[in-house]
Amino acid sequence: MDVAANPVERYVECFNSCGAAAQAAGISTEMLRRMRKRGYVTTRKRALIMARACSFRVDAIELLALSGVRRSPRGPRT
């Protein structure tokens, strides 16, 4: 697996061990293993926690696998 293509792998690389990465994210190592296999995180809250834990070396939007999604041309809702 290409580490550069998987943002969860890049997140784990920011730490000394998988256990430390899981602890920083507030999840079990088993849950982190599943995320690594999928290649993305399923909730915004978890993505933000993980991005903060690694000092934003991996963006939350990358962890959510949304980096290729375009924003709506309509602009923000009011």
PDB file of N, CA and C in Angstrom:
ATOM      1  N   MET A   1       0.841  -1.182   0.000  1.00  0.00           N
ATOM      2  CA  MET A   1       0.000   0.000   0.000  1.00  0.00           C
ATOM      3  C   MET A   1       0.884   1.243   0.000  1.00  0.00           C
ATOM      4  N   ASP A   2       0.532   2.212  -0.823  1.00  0.00           N
ATOM      5  CA  ASP A   2       1.267   3.463  -0.911  1.00  0.00           C
ATOM      6  C   ASP A   2       0.874   4.360   0.265  1.00  0.00           C
ATOM      7  N   VAL A   3       1.819   4.617   1.161  1.00  0.00           N
ATOM      8  CA  VAL A   3       1.543   5.419   2.355  1.00  0.00           C
ATOM      9  C   VAL A   3       1.092   6.820   1.976  1.00  0.00           C
ATOM     10  N   ALA A   4       1.656   7.396   0.926  1.00  0.00           N
ATOM     11  CA  ALA A   4       1.291   8.753   0.521  1.00  0.00           C
ATOM     12  C   ALA A   4      -0.162   8.837   0.074  1.00  0.00           C
ATOM     13  N   ALA A   5      -0.710   7.752  -0.435  1.00  0.00           N
ATOM     14  CA  ALA A   5      -2.089   7.755  -0.922  1.00  0.00           C
ATOM     15  C   ALA A   5      -3.101   7.526   0.197  1.00  0.00           C
ATOM     16  N   ASN A   6      -2.671   7.033   1.336  1.00  0.00           N
ATOM     17  CA  ASN A   6      -3.583   6.726   2.433  1.00  0.00           C
ATOM     18  C   ASN A   6      -3.352   7.718   3.575  1.00  0.00           C
ATOM     19  N   PRO A   7      -4.279   8.655   3.781  1.00  0.00           N
ATOM     20  CA  PRO A   7      -4.083   9.659   4.827  1.00  0.00           C
ATOM     21  C   PRO A   7      -4.048   9.072   6.236  1.00  0.00           C
ATOM     22  N   VAL A   8      -4.721   7.967   6.466  1.00  0.00           N
ATOM     23  CA  VAL A   8      -4.689   7.350   7.795  1.00  0.00           C
ATOM     24  C   VAL A   8      -3.298   6.771   8.057  1.00  0.00           C
ATOM     25  N   GLU A   9      -2.682   6.199   7.041  1.00  0.00           N
ATOM     26  CA  GLU A   9      -1.302   5.711   7.170  1.00  0.00           C
ATOM     27  C   GLU A   9      -0.360   6.870   7.479  1.00  0.00           C
ATOM     28  N   ARG A  10      -0.556   8.000   6.795  1.00  0.00           N
ATOM     29  CA  ARG A  10       0.278   9.181   7.046  1.00  0.00           C
ATOM     30  C   ARG A  10       0.081   9.685   8.468  1.00  0.00           C
ATOM     31  N   TYR A  11      -1.137   9.605   8.981  1.00  0.00           N
ATOM     32  CA  TYR A  11      -1.413   9.986  10.366  1.00  0.00           C
ATOM     33  C   TYR A  11      -0.620   9.093  11.323  1.00  0.00           C
ATOM     34  N   VAL A  12      -0.658   7.793  11.100  1.00  0.00           N
ATOM     35  CA  VAL A  12       0.040   6.845  11.975  1.00  0.00           C
ATOM     36  C   VAL A  12       1.546   7.090  11.936  1.00  0.00           C
ATOM     37  N   GLU A  13       2.082   7.458  10.786  1.00  0.00           N
ATOM     38  CA  GLU A  13       3.514   7.722  10.643  1.00  0.00           C
ATOM     39  C   GLU A  13       3.982   8.902  11.503  1.00  0.00           C
ATOM     40  N   CYS A  14       3.070   9.746  11.950  1.00  0.00           N
ATOM     41  CA  CYS A  14       3.416  10.893  12.800  1.00  0.00           C
ATOM     42  C   CYS A  14       3.754  10.475  14.230  1.00  0.00           C
ATOM     43  N   PHE A  15       3.510   9.228  14.583  1.00  0.00           N
ATOM     44  CA  PHE A  15       3.690   8.748  15.950  1.00  0.00           C
ATOM     45  C   PHE A  15       4.718   7.626  15.997  1.00  0.00           C
ATOM     46  N   ASN A  16       5.213   7.355  17.205  1.00  0.00           N
ATOM     47  CA  ASN A  16       6.216   6.294  17.388  1.00  0.00           C
ATOM     48  C   ASN A  16       5.646   4.901  17.209  1.00  0.00           C
ATOM     49  N   SER A  17       4.351   4.747  17.505  1.00  0.00           N
ATOM     50  CA  SER A  17       3.732   3.425  17.390  1.00  0.00           C
ATOM     51  C   SER A  17       2.262   3.562  17.033  1.00  0.00           C
ATOM     52  N   CYS A  18       1.698   2.455  16.619  1.00  0.00           N
ATOM     53  CA  CYS A  18       0.262   2.412  16.318  1.00  0.00           C
ATOM     54  C   CYS A  18      -0.551   2.689  17.577  1.00  0.00           C
ATOM     55  N   GLY A  19      -0.094   2.160  18.690  1.00  0.00           N
ATOM     56  CA  GLY A  19      -0.781   2.370  19.958  1.00  0.00           C
ATOM     57  C   GLY A  19      -0.819   3.839  20.347  1.00  0.00           C
ATOM     58  N   ALA A  20       0.293   4.541  20.131  1.00  0.00           N
ATOM     59  CA  ALA A  20       0.343   5.974  20.439  1.00  0.00           C
ATOM     60  C   ALA A  20      -0.592   6.757  19.526  1.00  0.00           C
ATOM     61  N   ALA A  21      -0.657   6.369  18.259  1.00  0.00           N
ATOM     62  CA  ALA A  21      -1.554   7.035  17.309  1.00  0.00           C
ATOM     63  C   ALA A  21      -3.008   6.816  17.700  1.00  0.00           C
ATOM     64  N   ALA A  22      -3.339   5.608  18.094  1.00  0.00           N
ATOM     65  CA  ALA A  22      -4.708   5.299  18.510  1.00  0.00           C
ATOM     66  C   ALA A  22      -5.070   6.051  19.784  1.00  0.00           C
ATOM     67  N   GLN A  23      -4.153   6.085  20.735  1.00  0.00           N
ATOM     68  CA  GLN A  23      -4.408   6.787  21.993  1.00  0.00           C
ATOM     69  C   GLN A  23      -4.607   8.277  21.745  1.00  0.00           C
ATOM     70  N   ALA A  24      -3.806   8.875  20.880  1.00  0.00           N
ATOM     71  CA  ALA A  24      -3.945  10.297  20.566  1.00  0.00           C
ATOM     72  C   ALA A  24      -5.286  10.595  19.908  1.00  0.00           C
ATOM     73  N   ALA A  25      -5.810   9.639  19.159  1.00  0.00           N
ATOM     74  CA  ALA A  25      -7.101   9.812  18.491  1.00  0.00           C
ATOM     75  C   ALA A  25      -8.270   9.445  19.397  1.00  0.00           C
ATOM     76  N   GLY A  26      -7.971   8.823  20.531  1.00  0.00           N
ATOM     77  CA  GLY A  26      -9.025   8.421  21.452  1.00  0.00           C
ATOM     78  C   GLY A  26      -9.805   7.206  20.988  1.00  0.00           C
ATOM     79  N   ILE A  27      -9.121   6.318  20.274  1.00  0.00           N
ATOM     80  CA  ILE A  27      -9.770   5.115  19.750  1.00  0.00           C
ATOM     81  C   ILE A  27      -8.931   3.894  20.094  1.00  0.00           C
ATOM     82  N   SER A  28      -9.499   2.724  19.871  1.00  0.00           N
ATOM     83  CA  SER A  28      -8.756   1.483  20.100  1.00  0.00           C
ATOM     84  C   SER A  28      -7.849   1.207  18.904  1.00  0.00           C
ATOM     85  N   THR A  29      -6.846   0.379  19.138  1.00  0.00           N
ATOM     86  CA  THR A  29      -5.960   0.018  18.030  1.00  0.00           C
ATOM     87  C   THR A  29      -6.724  -0.768  16.967  1.00  0.00           C
ATOM     88  N   GLU A  30      -7.733  -1.523  17.381  1.00  0.00           N
ATOM     89  CA  GLU A  30      -8.549  -2.272  16.415  1.00  0.00           C
ATOM     90  C   GLU A  30      -9.314  -1.318  15.501  1.00  0.00           C
ATOM     91  N   MET A  31      -9.875  -0.256  16.075  1.00  0.00           N
ATOM     92  CA  MET A  31     -10.598   0.717  15.256  1.00  0.00           C
ATOM     93  C   MET A  31      -9.638   1.424  14.295  1.00  0.00           C
ATOM     94  N   LEU A  32      -8.443   1.753  14.779  1.00  0.00           N
ATOM     95  CA  LEU A  32      -7.448   2.384  13.916  1.00  0.00           C
ATOM     96  C   LEU A  32      -7.049   1.434  12.797  1.00  0.00           C
ATOM     97  N   ARG A  33      -6.939   0.159  13.093  1.00  0.00           N
ATOM     98  CA  ARG A  33      -6.604  -0.844  12.070  1.00  0.00           C
ATOM     99  C   ARG A  33      -7.663  -0.860  10.968  1.00  0.00           C
ATOM    100  N   ARG A  34      -8.941  -0.797  11.367  1.00  0.00           N
ATOM    101  CA  ARG A  34     -10.024  -0.773  10.372  1.00  0.00           C
ATOM    102  C   ARG A  34      -9.963   0.493   9.518  1.00  0.00           C
ATOM    103  N   MET A  35      -9.663   1.625  10.159  1.00  0.00           N
ATOM    104  CA  MET A  35      -9.548   2.885   9.409  1.00  0.00           C
ATOM    105  C   MET A  35      -8.393   2.818   8.418  1.00  0.00           C
ATOM    106  N   ARG A  36      -7.283   2.234   8.828  1.00  0.00           N
ATOM    107  CA  ARG A  36      -6.128   2.107   7.935  1.00  0.00           C
ATOM    108  C   ARG A  36      -6.487   1.264   6.722  1.00  0.00           C
ATOM    109  N   LYS A  37      -7.248   0.217   6.958  1.00  0.00           N
ATOM    110  CA  LYS A  37      -7.656  -0.666   5.862  1.00  0.00           C
ATOM    111  C   LYS A  37      -8.575   0.063   4.882  1.00  0.00           C
ATOM    112  N   ARG A  38      -9.532   0.836   5.427  1.00  0.00           N
ATOM    113  CA  ARG A  38     -10.457   1.612   4.591  1.00  0.00           C
ATOM    114  C   ARG A  38      -9.749   2.769   3.901  1.00  0.00           C
ATOM    115  N   GLY A  39      -8.842   3.419   4.632  1.00  0.00           N
ATOM    116  CA  GLY A  39      -8.116   4.557   4.086  1.00  0.00           C
ATOM    117  C   GLY A  39      -8.755   5.897   4.381  1.00  0.00           C
ATOM    118  N   TYR A  40      -9.773   5.909   5.215  1.00  0.00           N
ATOM    119  CA  TYR A  40     -10.403   7.178   5.586  1.00  0.00           C
ATOM    120  C   TYR A  40     -11.123   7.042   6.919  1.00  0.00           C
ATOM    121  N   VAL A  41     -11.515   8.194   7.478  1.00  0.00           N
ATOM    122  CA  VAL A  41     -12.230   8.287   8.749  1.00  0.00           C
ATOM    123  C   VAL A  41     -13.679   8.619   8.427  1.00  0.00           C
ATOM    124  N   THR A  42     -14.617   8.102   9.211  1.00  0.00           N
ATOM    125  CA  THR A  42     -16.030   8.270   8.860  1.00  0.00           C
ATOM    126  C   THR A  42     -16.724   9.466   9.496  1.00  0.00           C
ATOM    127  N   THR A  43     -16.133  10.079  10.529  1.00  0.00           N
ATOM    128  CA  THR A  43     -16.817  11.213  11.162  1.00  0.00           C
ATOM    129  C   THR A  43     -15.937  12.457  11.176  1.00  0.00           C
ATOM    130  N   ARG A  44     -16.589  13.613  11.072  1.00  0.00           N
ATOM    131  CA  ARG A  44     -15.854  14.884  11.105  1.00  0.00           C
ATOM    132  C   ARG A  44     -15.140  15.070  12.433  1.00  0.00           C
ATOM    133  N   LYS A  45     -15.833  14.731  13.514  1.00  0.00           N
ATOM    134  CA  LYS A  45     -15.247  14.910  14.845  1.00  0.00           C
ATOM    135  C   LYS A  45     -13.957  14.109  14.982  1.00  0.00           C
ATOM    136  N   ARG A  46     -13.983  12.853  14.564  1.00  0.00           N
ATOM    137  CA  ARG A  46     -12.792  12.011  14.654  1.00  0.00           C
ATOM    138  C   ARG A  46     -11.681  12.556  13.756  1.00  0.00           C
ATOM    139  N   ALA A  47     -12.024  13.014  12.569  1.00  0.00           N
ATOM    140  CA  ALA A  47     -11.018  13.569  11.658  1.00  0.00           C
ATOM    141  C   ALA A  47     -10.358  14.806  12.264  1.00  0.00           C
ATOM    142  N   LEU A  48     -11.135  15.660  12.906  1.00  0.00           N
ATOM    143  CA  LEU A  48     -10.577  16.858  13.545  1.00  0.00           C
ATOM    144  C   LEU A  48      -9.677  16.496  14.719  1.00  0.00           C
ATOM    145  N   ILE A  49     -10.096  15.533  15.527  1.00  0.00           N
ATOM    146  CA  ILE A  49      -9.275  15.087  16.661  1.00  0.00           C
ATOM    147  C   ILE A  49      -7.940  14.546  16.155  1.00  0.00           C
ATOM    148  N   MET A  50      -7.991  13.736  15.112  1.00  0.00           N
ATOM    149  CA  MET A  50      -6.776  13.137  14.567  1.00  0.00           C
ATOM    150  C   MET A  50      -5.872  14.189  13.933  1.00  0.00           C
ATOM    151  N   ALA A  51      -6.454  15.147  13.220  1.00  0.00           N
ATOM    152  CA  ALA A  51      -5.658  16.209  12.600  1.00  0.00           C
ATOM    153  C   ALA A  51      -4.949  17.034  13.672  1.00  0.00           C
ATOM    154  N   ARG A  52      -5.656  17.366  14.730  1.00  0.00           N
ATOM    155  CA  ARG A  52      -5.036  18.122  15.833  1.00  0.00           C
ATOM    156  C   ARG A  52      -3.933  17.309  16.498  1.00  0.00           C
ATOM    157  N   ALA A  53      -4.170  16.021  16.685  1.00  0.00           N
ATOM    158  CA  ALA A  53      -3.206  15.158  17.371  1.00  0.00           C
ATOM    159  C   ALA A  53      -1.874  15.081  16.626  1.00  0.00           C
ATOM    160  N   CYS A  54      -1.912  15.200  15.319  1.00  0.00           N
ATOM    161  CA  CYS A  54      -0.658  15.140  14.541  1.00  0.00           C
ATOM    162  C   CYS A  54      -0.216  16.527  14.084  1.00  0.00           C
ATOM    163  N   SER A  55      -0.676  17.559  14.792  1.00  0.00           N
ATOM    164  CA  SER A  55      -0.305  18.955  14.493  1.00  0.00           C
ATOM    165  C   SER A  55      -0.633  19.348  13.059  1.00  0.00           C
ATOM    166  N   PHE A  56      -1.716  18.826  12.531  1.00  0.00           N
ATOM    167  CA  PHE A  56      -2.232  19.133  11.196  1.00  0.00           C
ATOM    168  C   PHE A  56      -1.261  18.770  10.071  1.00  0.00           C
ATOM    169  N   ARG A  57      -0.382  17.804  10.325  1.00  0.00           N
ATOM    170  CA  ARG A  57       0.465  17.304   9.228  1.00  0.00           C
ATOM    171  C   ARG A  57      -0.376  16.538   8.218  1.00  0.00           C
ATOM    172  N   VAL A  58      -1.529  16.064   8.680  1.00  0.00           N
ATOM    173  CA  VAL A  58      -2.541  15.467   7.804  1.00  0.00           C
ATOM    174  C   VAL A  58      -3.823  16.244   8.072  1.00  0.00           C
ATOM    175  N   ASP A  59      -4.423  16.814   7.031  1.00  0.00           N
ATOM    176  CA  ASP A  59      -5.638  17.616   7.184  1.00  0.00           C
ATOM    177  C   ASP A  59      -6.848  16.742   7.468  1.00  0.00           C
ATOM    178  N   ALA A  60      -7.797  17.309   8.188  1.00  0.00           N
ATOM    179  CA  ALA A  60      -9.042  16.596   8.485  1.00  0.00           C
ATOM    180  C   ALA A  60      -9.775  16.231   7.201  1.00  0.00           C
ATOM    181  N   ILE A  61      -9.739  17.116   6.222  1.00  0.00           N
ATOM    182  CA  ILE A  61     -10.448  16.848   4.961  1.00  0.00           C
ATOM    183  C   ILE A  61      -9.820  15.668   4.222  1.00  0.00           C
ATOM    184  N   GLU A  62      -8.502  15.503   4.363  1.00  0.00           N
ATOM    185  CA  GLU A  62      -7.840  14.337   3.766  1.00  0.00           C
ATOM    186  C   GLU A  62      -8.255  13.060   4.493  1.00  0.00           C
ATOM    187  N   LEU A  63      -8.323  13.139   5.821  1.00  0.00           N
ATOM    188  CA  LEU A  63      -8.715  11.968   6.607  1.00  0.00           C
ATOM    189  C   LEU A  63     -10.136  11.529   6.287  1.00  0.00           C
ATOM    190  N   LEU A  64     -10.980  12.479   5.902  1.00  0.00           N
ATOM    191  CA  LEU A  64     -12.354  12.154   5.515  1.00  0.00           C
ATOM    192  C   LEU A  64     -12.452  11.705   4.061  1.00  0.00           C
ATOM    193  N   ALA A  65     -11.330  11.727   3.344  1.00  0.00           N
ATOM    194  CA  ALA A  65     -11.271  11.354   1.928  1.00  0.00           C
ATOM    195  C   ALA A  65     -12.110  12.288   1.071  1.00  0.00           C
ATOM    196  N   LEU A  66     -12.109  13.584   1.436  1.00  0.00           N
ATOM    197  CA  LEU A  66     -12.879  14.571   0.679  1.00  0.00           C
ATOM    198  C   LEU A  66     -12.002  15.559  -0.070  1.00  0.00           C
ATOM    199  N   SER A  67     -10.706  15.333  -0.122  1.00  0.00           N
ATOM    200  CA  SER A  67      -9.809  16.313  -0.729  1.00  0.00           C
ATOM    201  C   SER A  67     -10.055  16.505  -2.219  1.00  0.00           C
ATOM    202  N   GLY A  68     -10.694  15.556  -2.886  1.00  0.00           N
ATOM    203  CA  GLY A  68     -10.982  15.700  -4.305  1.00  0.00           C
ATOM    204  C   GLY A  68     -12.362  16.261  -4.596  1.00  0.00           C
ATOM    205  N   VAL A  69     -13.137  16.529  -3.553  1.00  0.00           N
ATOM    206  CA  VAL A  69     -14.509  17.009  -3.726  1.00  0.00           C
ATOM    207  C   VAL A  69     -14.494  18.513  -3.938  1.00  0.00           C
ATOM    208  N   ARG A  70     -15.252  18.963  -4.924  1.00  0.00           N
ATOM    209  CA  ARG A  70     -15.344  20.402  -5.189  1.00  0.00           C
ATOM    210  C   ARG A  70     -16.440  21.017  -4.345  1.00  0.00           C
ATOM    211  N   ARG A  71     -16.238  22.269  -3.989  1.00  0.00           N
ATOM    212  CA  ARG A  71     -17.264  22.992  -3.248  1.00  0.00           C
ATOM    213  C   ARG A  71     -18.361  23.439  -4.196  1.00  0.00           C
ATOM    214  N   SER A  72     -19.538  23.623  -3.652  1.00  0.00           N
ATOM    215  CA  SER A  72     -20.687  24.060  -4.432  1.00  0.00           C
ATOM    216  C   SER A  72     -20.470  25.478  -4.948  1.00  0.00           C
ATOM    217  N   PRO A  73     -20.830  25.763  -6.202  1.00  0.00           N
ATOM    218  CA  PRO A  73     -20.665  27.114  -6.739  1.00  0.00           C
ATOM    219  C   PRO A  73     -21.669  28.108  -6.155  1.00  0.00           C
ATOM    220  N   ARG A  74     -22.667  27.617  -5.427  1.00  0.00           N
ATOM    221  CA  ARG A  74     -23.701  28.488  -4.870  1.00  0.00           C
ATOM    222  C   ARG A  74     -23.197  29.383  -3.759  1.00  0.00           C
ATOM    223  N   GLY A  75     -22.181  28.984  -3.063  1.00  0.00           N
ATOM    224  CA  GLY A  75     -21.710  29.752  -1.920  1.00  0.00           C
ATOM    225  C   GLY A  75     -22.354  29.263  -0.640  1.00  0.00           C
ATOM    226  N   PRO A  76     -21.999  29.883   0.466  1.00  0.00           N
ATOM    227  CA  PRO A  76     -22.520  29.415   1.756  1.00  0.00           C
ATOM    228  C   PRO A  76     -23.998  29.734   1.943  1.00  0.00           C
ATOM    229  N   ARG A  77     -24.651  28.893   2.737  1.00  0.00           N
ATOM    230  CA  ARG A  77     -26.057  29.132   3.071  1.00  0.00           C
ATOM    231  C   ARG A  77     -26.148  30.208   4.138  1.00  0.00           C
ATOM    232  N   THR A  78     -27.232  30.945   4.114  1.00  0.00           N
ATOM    233  CA  THR A  78     -27.425  31.976   5.147  1.00  0.00           C
ATOM    234  C   THR A  78     -28.639  31.686   5.974  1.00  0.00           C
TER     235      THR A  78
END
